[in-house]
Amino acid sequence: MKKCSIITAIWSLALILSPVVSLHAAELKVLAGGSMTAVLNELAPAFERASGHKLTIHFDSTPNLIKLATSGDPFDLGVVPIDVFKDPTAKARFVLPTIDIARVGYGVAVRAGAPKPDVSTPDTLKKTLLGAQSIAYLPTSAAGAYVTGVFERLGIAEAMKAKTKPQTTTGGIPQAVAKGDAELGVFLVNVLMAPGVELAGSFPAELQQELVFTAAVATDTQQAAAAKAFIDYLTSPAATAVIKSMGLSPG
């Protein structure tokens, strides 16, 4: 964001938080989807400055977030893939209903400057994937599970096994492509908007689906007001402008 936009966002945040700024400063432990790393790292400092609260954000994949939510360890809120709530035990750790924060679809990225393959139809996407020497994605995540499902729908799941270079973090996907360790990155579009890579295109409509990131306060938090203040900020105009600028759709 430009400097003036940052200042505007901070002033807007201060107005949003004015009813809660006087509260005792809280230290909030946040569970968050790995694909929200760049967005929340961009937004967190402004919230901390304006509110006086401190955020400790643990980013992880959906299976690991479910394990963390059901471990019994304390946390204050989550900004997680909606798939986390498919687990009844994890769902019980949150105050419902949840508040949708952002959503994003899937796409394919190449190294910056490389020719961009056609992925506009199921047939051309299939051809592109089969023609690639290597593909980076994060299979052990909700988004990765969807990508694997697309491989299956295209009838190329077996062929992809020899090509895929599984990553352990979302940030590893564009890094692998940028370094030339993988020819293509296949994942959520916002993750693929990174230095050293360029988006070849989004999945065709027939294969496209948005992953929703939703937020909720933990049932046993001692900092419910501060946790709700952060969720309110994530739905504010200042925050949604940042969310849009980073390749996601708010709400």
C-alpha atoms as a PDB file:
ATOM      1  CA  MET A   1       0.000   0.000   0.000  1.00  0.00           C
ATOM      2  CA  LYS A   2       1.041   3.611  -0.570  1.00  0.00           C
ATOM      3  CA  LYS A   3       2.007   5.650   2.476  1.00  0.00           C
ATOM      4  CA  CYS A   4      -1.167   7.740   2.363  1.00  0.00           C
ATOM      5  CA  SER A   5      -3.283   4.565   2.213  1.00  0.00           C
ATOM      6  CA  ILE A   6      -1.498   3.157   5.244  1.00  0.00           C
ATOM      7  CA  ILE A   7      -2.151   6.360   7.201  1.00  0.00           C
ATOM      8  CA  THR A   8      -5.820   6.280   6.158  1.00  0.00           C
ATOM      9  CA  ALA A   9      -6.095   2.652   7.224  1.00  0.00           C
ATOM     10  CA  ILE A  10      -4.589   3.396  10.640  1.00  0.00           C
ATOM     11  CA  TRP A  11      -6.932   6.343  11.227  1.00  0.00           C
ATOM     12  CA  SER A  12      -9.901   4.229  10.124  1.00  0.00           C
ATOM     13  CA  LEU A  13      -8.816   1.453  12.443  1.00  0.00           C
ATOM     14  CA  ALA A  14      -8.487   3.864  15.362  1.00  0.00           C
ATOM     15  CA  LEU A  15     -12.102   4.954  14.844  1.00  0.00           C
ATOM     16  CA  ILE A  16     -13.289   1.343  14.628  1.00  0.00           C
ATOM     17  CA  LEU A  17     -11.476   0.380  17.799  1.00  0.00           C
ATOM     18  CA  SER A  18     -12.296   3.479  19.840  1.00  0.00           C
ATOM     19  CA  PRO A  19     -14.825   1.654  22.072  1.00  0.00           C
ATOM     20  CA  VAL A  20     -12.269  -1.021  23.027  1.00  0.00           C
ATOM     21  CA  VAL A  21      -8.953   0.830  23.101  1.00  0.00           C
ATOM     22  CA  SER A  22      -9.480   1.658  26.745  1.00  0.00           C
ATOM     23  CA  LEU A  23      -9.628  -2.045  27.637  1.00  0.00           C
ATOM     24  CA  HIS A  24      -6.638  -3.678  29.264  1.00  0.00           C
ATOM     25  CA  ALA A  25      -4.162  -4.584  26.519  1.00  0.00           C
ATOM     26  CA  ALA A  26      -4.553  -8.236  25.603  1.00  0.00           C
ATOM     27  CA  GLU A  27      -2.183 -10.791  24.109  1.00  0.00           C
ATOM     28  CA  LEU A  28      -4.200 -12.705  21.556  1.00  0.00           C
ATOM     29  CA  LYS A  29      -3.232 -16.128  20.255  1.00  0.00           C
ATOM     30  CA  VAL A  30      -4.650 -16.530  16.758  1.00  0.00           C
ATOM     31  CA  LEU A  31      -4.933 -19.719  14.716  1.00  0.00           C
ATOM     32  CA  ALA A  32      -4.851 -18.912  10.992  1.00  0.00           C
ATOM     33  CA  GLY A  33      -4.785 -20.623   7.632  1.00  0.00           C
ATOM     34  CA  GLY A  34      -1.360 -20.652   6.012  1.00  0.00           C
ATOM     35  CA  SER A  35      -2.720 -19.015   2.884  1.00  0.00           C
ATOM     36  CA  MET A  36      -3.651 -15.965   4.962  1.00  0.00           C
ATOM     37  CA  THR A  37      -0.038 -15.385   6.031  1.00  0.00           C
ATOM     38  CA  ALA A  38       0.711 -12.398   3.804  1.00  0.00           C
ATOM     39  CA  VAL A  39      -2.674 -10.765   4.439  1.00  0.00           C
ATOM     40  CA  LEU A  40      -2.628 -11.035   8.227  1.00  0.00           C
ATOM     41  CA  ASN A  41       1.044 -10.088   8.468  1.00  0.00           C
ATOM     42  CA  GLU A  42       0.150  -6.927   6.552  1.00  0.00           C
ATOM     43  CA  LEU A  43      -2.870  -6.106   8.718  1.00  0.00           C
ATOM     44  CA  ALA A  44      -1.647  -7.122  12.177  1.00  0.00           C
ATOM     45  CA  PRO A  45       0.756  -4.208  12.861  1.00  0.00           C
ATOM     46  CA  ALA A  46      -1.906  -1.545  12.257  1.00  0.00           C
ATOM     47  CA  PHE A  47      -4.318  -3.340  14.579  1.00  0.00           C
ATOM     48  CA  GLU A  48      -1.670  -3.636  17.279  1.00  0.00           C
ATOM     49  CA  ARG A  49      -0.735   0.057  17.034  1.00  0.00           C
ATOM     50  CA  ALA A  50      -4.308   1.272  17.170  1.00  0.00           C
ATOM     51  CA  SER A  51      -5.655  -1.136  19.796  1.00  0.00           C
ATOM     52  CA  GLY A  52      -2.690  -1.725  22.093  1.00  0.00           C
ATOM     53  CA  HIS A  53      -3.330  -5.469  21.836  1.00  0.00           C
ATOM     54  CA  LYS A  54      -0.612  -7.886  20.737  1.00  0.00           C
ATOM     55  CA  LEU A  55      -1.188 -10.686  18.230  1.00  0.00           C
ATOM     56  CA  THR A  56       0.646 -13.989  18.125  1.00  0.00           C
ATOM     57  CA  ILE A  57      -0.486 -15.716  14.933  1.00  0.00           C
ATOM     58  CA  HIS A  58       0.138 -19.387  14.253  1.00  0.00           C
ATOM     59  CA  PHE A  59      -0.249 -20.156  10.533  1.00  0.00           C
ATOM     60  CA  ASP A  60      -0.824 -23.753   9.513  1.00  0.00           C
ATOM     61  CA  SER A  61      -2.616 -26.188   7.216  1.00  0.00           C
ATOM     62  CA  THR A  62      -6.206 -27.273   7.851  1.00  0.00           C
ATOM     63  CA  PRO A  63      -5.333 -30.714   9.293  1.00  0.00           C
ATOM     64  CA  ASN A  64      -2.851 -29.140  11.713  1.00  0.00           C
ATOM     65  CA  LEU A  65      -5.285 -26.365  12.649  1.00  0.00           C
ATOM     66  CA  ILE A  66      -7.850 -29.011  13.559  1.00  0.00           C
ATOM     67  CA  LYS A  67      -5.260 -30.756  15.723  1.00  0.00           C
ATOM     68  CA  LEU A  68      -4.385 -27.484  17.449  1.00  0.00           C
ATOM     69  CA  ALA A  69      -8.012 -26.511  18.001  1.00  0.00           C
ATOM     70  CA  THR A  70      -8.826 -29.899  19.508  1.00  0.00           C
ATOM     71  CA  SER A  71      -5.649 -30.269  21.568  1.00  0.00           C
ATOM     72  CA  GLY A  72      -7.022 -28.428  24.566  1.00  0.00           C
ATOM     73  CA  ASP A  73      -4.280 -25.798  24.347  1.00  0.00           C
ATOM     74  CA  PRO A  74      -5.617 -22.257  24.809  1.00  0.00           C
ATOM     75  CA  PHE A  75      -6.155 -19.831  21.933  1.00  0.00           C
ATOM     76  CA  ASP A  76      -8.332 -16.755  21.517  1.00  0.00           C
ATOM     77  CA  LEU A  77      -9.673 -16.812  17.976  1.00  0.00           C
ATOM     78  CA  GLY A  78      -9.284 -18.379  14.572  1.00  0.00           C
ATOM     79  CA  VAL A  79      -9.123 -17.036  11.020  1.00  0.00           C
ATOM     80  CA  VAL A  80      -9.193 -20.396   9.312  1.00  0.00           C
ATOM     81  CA  PRO A  81     -10.386 -22.287   6.237  1.00  0.00           C
ATOM     82  CA  ILE A  82     -14.051 -23.118   6.660  1.00  0.00           C
ATOM     83  CA  ASP A  83     -13.070 -26.787   6.332  1.00  0.00           C
ATOM     84  CA  VAL A  84     -11.832 -26.650   9.937  1.00  0.00           C
ATOM     85  CA  PHE A  85     -15.469 -26.488  11.039  1.00  0.00           C
ATOM     86  CA  LYS A  86     -16.246 -29.779   9.324  1.00  0.00           C
ATOM     87  CA  ASP A  87     -14.596 -31.411  12.336  1.00  0.00           C
ATOM     88  CA  PRO A  88     -17.228 -31.457  15.134  1.00  0.00           C
ATOM     89  CA  THR A  89     -14.660 -31.317  17.937  1.00  0.00           C
ATOM     90  CA  ALA A  90     -12.856 -28.356  16.381  1.00  0.00           C
ATOM     91  CA  LYS A  91     -16.163 -26.614  15.676  1.00  0.00           C
ATOM     92  CA  ALA A  92     -17.090 -26.915  19.343  1.00  0.00           C
ATOM     93  CA  ARG A  93     -14.048 -24.818  20.315  1.00  0.00           C
ATOM     94  CA  PHE A  94     -15.493 -21.716  18.629  1.00  0.00           C
ATOM     95  CA  VAL A  95     -18.380 -19.349  19.277  1.00  0.00           C
ATOM     96  CA  LEU A  96     -20.784 -19.588  16.353  1.00  0.00           C
ATOM     97  CA  PRO A  97     -21.797 -18.249  13.917  1.00  0.00           C
ATOM     98  CA  THR A  98     -18.502 -17.526  12.218  1.00  0.00           C
ATOM     99  CA  ILE A  99     -17.757 -14.353  10.228  1.00  0.00           C
ATOM    100  CA  ASP A 100     -16.456 -14.856   6.684  1.00  0.00           C
ATOM    101  CA  ILE A 101     -13.340 -12.750   6.116  1.00  0.00           C
ATOM    102  CA  ALA A 102     -12.093 -13.619   2.628  1.00  0.00           C
ATOM    103  CA  ARG A 103     -12.418 -16.058  -0.232  1.00  0.00           C
ATOM    104  CA  VAL A 104     -10.142 -16.965  -3.112  1.00  0.00           C
ATOM    105  CA  GLY A 105     -10.016 -19.323  -6.077  1.00  0.00           C
ATOM    106  CA  TYR A 106      -7.305 -21.473  -7.615  1.00  0.00           C
ATOM    107  CA  GLY A 107      -4.813 -20.847 -10.367  1.00  0.00           C
ATOM    108  CA  VAL A 108      -1.521 -21.732 -12.009  1.00  0.00           C
ATOM    109  CA  ALA A 109       1.715 -19.736 -11.827  1.00  0.00           C
ATOM    110  CA  VAL A 110       4.987 -19.790 -13.748  1.00  0.00           C
ATOM    111  CA  ARG A 111       8.399 -18.304 -13.134  1.00  0.00           C
ATOM    112  CA  ALA A 112       8.494 -14.581 -13.929  1.00  0.00           C
ATOM    113  CA  GLY A 113       9.280 -14.067 -17.606  1.00  0.00           C
ATOM    114  CA  ALA A 114       8.437 -17.631 -18.620  1.00  0.00           C
ATOM    115  CA  PRO A 115       5.806 -18.283 -21.304  1.00  0.00           C
ATOM    116  CA  LYS A 116       2.321 -18.504 -19.810  1.00  0.00           C
ATOM    117  CA  PRO A 117       0.512 -21.721 -20.723  1.00  0.00           C
ATOM    118  CA  ASP A 118      -3.185 -21.835 -21.537  1.00  0.00           C
ATOM    119  CA  VAL A 119      -5.283 -22.980 -18.559  1.00  0.00           C
ATOM    120  CA  SER A 120      -8.574 -21.423 -19.651  1.00  0.00           C
ATOM    121  CA  THR A 121     -10.497 -24.669 -20.255  1.00  0.00           C
ATOM    122  CA  PRO A 122     -10.415 -28.116 -18.629  1.00  0.00           C
ATOM    123  CA  ASP A 123      -8.751 -29.553 -21.725  1.00  0.00           C
ATOM    124  CA  THR A 124      -6.018 -26.909 -21.924  1.00  0.00           C
ATOM    125  CA  LEU A 125      -5.403 -27.096 -18.174  1.00  0.00           C
ATOM    126  CA  LYS A 126      -5.047 -30.864 -18.459  1.00  0.00           C
ATOM    127  CA  LYS A 127      -2.654 -30.497 -21.380  1.00  0.00           C
ATOM    128  CA  THR A 128      -0.606 -27.906 -19.480  1.00  0.00           C
ATOM    129  CA  LEU A 129      -0.351 -30.064 -16.368  1.00  0.00           C
ATOM    130  CA  LEU A 130       0.603 -33.157 -18.324  1.00  0.00           C
ATOM    131  CA  GLY A 131       3.204 -31.196 -20.284  1.00  0.00           C
ATOM    132  CA  ALA A 132       4.891 -29.701 -17.241  1.00  0.00           C
ATOM    133  CA  GLN A 133       8.109 -31.206 -15.965  1.00  0.00           C
ATOM    134  CA  SER A 134       7.278 -30.465 -12.329  1.00  0.00           C
ATOM    135  CA  ILE A 135       4.488 -28.954 -10.231  1.00  0.00           C
ATOM    136  CA  ALA A 136       4.639 -27.426  -6.746  1.00  0.00           C
ATOM    137  CA  TYR A 137       1.686 -27.395  -4.359  1.00  0.00           C
ATOM    138  CA  LEU A 138       0.838 -28.172  -0.739  1.00  0.00           C
ATOM    139  CA  PRO A 139      -1.151 -31.420  -0.716  1.00  0.00           C
ATOM    140  CA  THR A 140      -1.558 -31.595   3.079  1.00  0.00           C
ATOM    141  CA  SER A 141      -4.023 -28.698   3.266  1.00  0.00           C
ATOM    142  CA  ALA A 142      -7.649 -28.000   2.406  1.00  0.00           C
ATOM    143  CA  ALA A 143      -6.564 -26.159  -0.745  1.00  0.00           C
ATOM    144  CA  GLY A 144      -4.132 -28.929  -1.640  1.00  0.00           C
ATOM    145  CA  ALA A 145      -6.855 -31.537  -1.240  1.00  0.00           C
ATOM    146  CA  TYR A 146      -8.970 -29.591  -3.718  1.00  0.00           C
ATOM    147  CA  VAL A 147      -6.085 -29.425  -6.218  1.00  0.00           C
ATOM    148  CA  THR A 148      -5.609 -33.179  -5.868  1.00  0.00           C
ATOM    149  CA  GLY A 149      -9.333 -33.576  -6.500  1.00  0.00           C
ATOM    150  CA  VAL A 150      -9.016 -31.558  -9.711  1.00  0.00           C
ATOM    151  CA  PHE A 151      -6.227 -33.860 -10.874  1.00  0.00           C
ATOM    152  CA  GLU A 152      -8.594 -36.769 -10.279  1.00  0.00           C
ATOM    153  CA  ARG A 153     -11.456 -35.089 -12.134  1.00  0.00           C
ATOM    154  CA  LEU A 154      -9.149 -34.506 -15.095  1.00  0.00           C
ATOM    155  CA  GLY A 155      -8.101 -38.164 -15.028  1.00  0.00           C
ATOM    156  CA  ILE A 156      -4.405 -37.354 -14.467  1.00  0.00           C
ATOM    157  CA  ALA A 157      -3.952 -38.097 -10.766  1.00  0.00           C
ATOM    158  CA  GLU A 158      -1.548 -40.984 -11.382  1.00  0.00           C
ATOM    159  CA  ALA A 159       0.504 -39.013 -13.896  1.00  0.00           C
ATOM    160  CA  MET A 160       0.808 -36.089 -11.474  1.00  0.00           C
ATOM    161  CA  LYS A 161       2.402 -38.222  -8.751  1.00  0.00           C
ATOM    162  CA  ALA A 162       5.709 -38.316 -10.634  1.00  0.00           C
ATOM    163  CA  LYS A 163       5.616 -34.587 -11.378  1.00  0.00           C
ATOM    164  CA  THR A 164       4.585 -33.071  -8.074  1.00  0.00           C
ATOM    165  CA  LYS A 165       7.032 -31.474  -5.681  1.00  0.00           C
ATOM    166  CA  PRO A 166       5.095 -31.288  -2.410  1.00  0.00           C
ATOM    167  CA  GLN A 167       5.805 -28.229  -0.275  1.00  0.00           C
ATOM    168  CA  THR A 168       5.493 -27.950   3.488  1.00  0.00           C
ATOM    169  CA  THR A 169       4.361 -24.309   3.584  1.00  0.00           C
ATOM    170  CA  THR A 170       2.253 -22.146   1.298  1.00  0.00           C
ATOM    171  CA  GLY A 171       5.181 -19.770   0.809  1.00  0.00           C
ATOM    172  CA  GLY A 172       7.273 -22.651  -0.474  1.00  0.00           C
ATOM    173  CA  ILE A 173       5.085 -22.973  -3.579  1.00  0.00           C
ATOM    174  CA  PRO A 174       5.970 -19.662  -5.303  1.00  0.00           C
ATOM    175  CA  GLN A 175       9.536 -19.922  -3.982  1.00  0.00           C
ATOM    176  CA  ALA A 176       9.999 -23.300  -5.689  1.00  0.00           C
ATOM    177  CA  VAL A 177       8.706 -21.854  -8.966  1.00  0.00           C
ATOM    178  CA  ALA A 178      10.774 -18.677  -8.689  1.00  0.00           C
ATOM    179  CA  LYS A 179      13.960 -20.696  -8.056  1.00  0.00           C
ATOM    180  CA  GLY A 180      13.251 -23.049 -10.958  1.00  0.00           C
ATOM    181  CA  ASP A 181      12.754 -26.074  -8.715  1.00  0.00           C
ATOM    182  CA  ALA A 182       9.248 -26.464 -10.144  1.00  0.00           C
ATOM    183  CA  GLU A 183       7.907 -25.442 -13.543  1.00  0.00           C
ATOM    184  CA  LEU A 184       4.400 -24.661 -12.298  1.00  0.00           C
ATOM    185  CA  GLY A 185       2.791 -23.661  -9.026  1.00  0.00           C
ATOM    186  CA  VAL A 186      -0.808 -24.796  -8.588  1.00  0.00           C
ATOM    187  CA  PHE A 187      -2.676 -23.396  -5.620  1.00  0.00           C
ATOM    188  CA  LEU A 188      -4.772 -20.495  -4.352  1.00  0.00           C
ATOM    189  CA  VAL A 189      -4.357 -17.393  -6.496  1.00  0.00           C
ATOM    190  CA  ASN A 190      -3.300 -15.089  -3.660  1.00  0.00           C
ATOM    191  CA  VAL A 191      -0.485 -17.446  -2.655  1.00  0.00           C
ATOM    192  CA  LEU A 192       0.761 -17.384  -6.241  1.00  0.00           C
ATOM    193  CA  MET A 193       0.923 -13.573  -6.250  1.00  0.00           C
ATOM    194  CA  ALA A 194       4.510 -13.464  -5.013  1.00  0.00           C
ATOM    195  CA  PRO A 195       7.912 -12.141  -6.102  1.00  0.00           C
ATOM    196  CA  GLY A 196       9.554 -14.099  -8.881  1.00  0.00           C
ATOM    197  CA  VAL A 197       6.376 -15.682 -10.236  1.00  0.00           C
ATOM    198  CA  GLU A 198       3.507 -14.652 -12.492  1.00  0.00           C
ATOM    199  CA  LEU A 199      -0.034 -15.958 -12.645  1.00  0.00           C
ATOM    200  CA  ALA A 200      -0.664 -17.859 -15.874  1.00  0.00           C
ATOM    201  CA  GLY A 201      -4.371 -17.905 -15.155  1.00  0.00           C
ATOM    202  CA  SER A 202      -7.136 -19.071 -12.874  1.00  0.00           C
ATOM    203  CA  PHE A 203      -8.768 -22.478 -13.089  1.00  0.00           C
ATOM    204  CA  PRO A 204     -11.549 -22.637 -15.687  1.00  0.00           C
ATOM    205  CA  ALA A 205     -15.054 -22.059 -14.345  1.00  0.00           C
ATOM    206  CA  GLU A 206     -15.942 -25.746 -14.608  1.00  0.00           C
ATOM    207  CA  LEU A 207     -13.160 -26.601 -12.138  1.00  0.00           C
ATOM    208  CA  GLN A 208     -13.080 -23.455 -10.044  1.00  0.00           C
ATOM    209  CA  GLN A 209     -14.079 -23.255  -6.397  1.00  0.00           C
ATOM    210  CA  GLU A 210     -13.409 -20.607  -3.778  1.00  0.00           C
ATOM    211  CA  LEU A 211     -11.834 -21.435  -0.452  1.00  0.00           C
ATOM    212  CA  VAL A 212     -13.475 -19.393   2.318  1.00  0.00           C
ATOM    213  CA  PHE A 213     -11.544 -18.151   5.341  1.00  0.00           C
ATOM    214  CA  THR A 214     -13.833 -17.541   8.287  1.00  0.00           C
ATOM    215  CA  ALA A 215     -13.265 -16.143  11.779  1.00  0.00           C
ATOM    216  CA  ALA A 216     -14.632 -16.893  15.224  1.00  0.00           C
ATOM    217  CA  VAL A 217     -13.786 -16.260  18.859  1.00  0.00           C
ATOM    218  CA  ALA A 218     -12.686 -19.262  20.918  1.00  0.00           C
ATOM    219  CA  THR A 219     -15.278 -20.508  23.396  1.00  0.00           C
ATOM    220  CA  ASP A 220     -12.906 -20.464  26.356  1.00  0.00           C
ATOM    221  CA  THR A 221     -10.923 -17.290  25.667  1.00  0.00           C
ATOM    222  CA  GLN A 222     -10.463 -14.808  28.495  1.00  0.00           C
ATOM    223  CA  GLN A 223     -10.065 -12.019  25.920  1.00  0.00           C
ATOM    224  CA  ALA A 224     -13.362 -12.203  24.052  1.00  0.00           C
ATOM    225  CA  ALA A 225     -13.757  -8.421  23.577  1.00  0.00           C
ATOM    226  CA  ALA A 226     -10.266  -7.998  22.154  1.00  0.00           C
ATOM    227  CA  ALA A 227     -10.677 -11.064  19.932  1.00  0.00           C
ATOM    228  CA  LYS A 228     -13.953  -9.714  18.578  1.00  0.00           C
ATOM    229  CA  ALA A 229     -12.298  -6.342  17.975  1.00  0.00           C
ATOM    230  CA  PHE A 230      -9.742  -7.998  15.699  1.00  0.00           C
ATOM    231  CA  ILE A 231     -12.477  -9.820  13.776  1.00  0.00           C
ATOM    232  CA  ASP A 232     -14.401  -6.544  13.427  1.00  0.00           C
ATOM    233  CA  TYR A 233     -11.272  -4.922  12.043  1.00  0.00           C
ATOM    234  CA  LEU A 234     -10.850  -7.678   9.457  1.00  0.00           C
ATOM    235  CA  THR A 235     -14.282  -6.786   8.061  1.00  0.00           C
ATOM    236  CA  SER A 236     -13.674  -3.018   8.090  1.00  0.00           C
ATOM    237  CA  PRO A 237     -13.209  -0.973   4.889  1.00  0.00           C
ATOM    238  CA  ALA A 238      -9.542  -0.417   5.727  1.00  0.00           C
ATOM    239  CA  ALA A 239      -8.867  -4.143   6.020  1.00  0.00           C
ATOM    240  CA  THR A 240     -11.011  -5.213   3.077  1.00  0.00           C
ATOM    241  CA  ALA A 241      -9.074  -2.827   0.840  1.00  0.00           C
ATOM    242  CA  VAL A 242      -5.887  -4.663   1.786  1.00  0.00           C
ATOM    243  CA  ILE A 243      -7.562  -8.054   1.293  1.00  0.00           C
ATOM    244  CA  LYS A 244      -8.621  -7.042  -2.227  1.00  0.00           C
ATOM    245  CA  SER A 245      -5.153  -5.727  -3.074  1.00  0.00           C
ATOM    246  CA  MET A 246      -3.645  -9.087  -2.168  1.00  0.00           C
ATOM    247  CA  GLY A 247      -5.739 -11.180  -4.530  1.00  0.00           C
ATOM    248  CA  LEU A 248      -8.696 -12.213  -2.351  1.00  0.00           C
ATOM    249  CA  SER A 249     -12.342 -11.197  -2.242  1.00  0.00           C
ATOM    250  CA  PRO A 250     -13.612  -9.914   1.119  1.00  0.00           C
ATOM    251  CA  GLY A 251     -16.369 -11.769   2.937  1.00  0.00           C
END
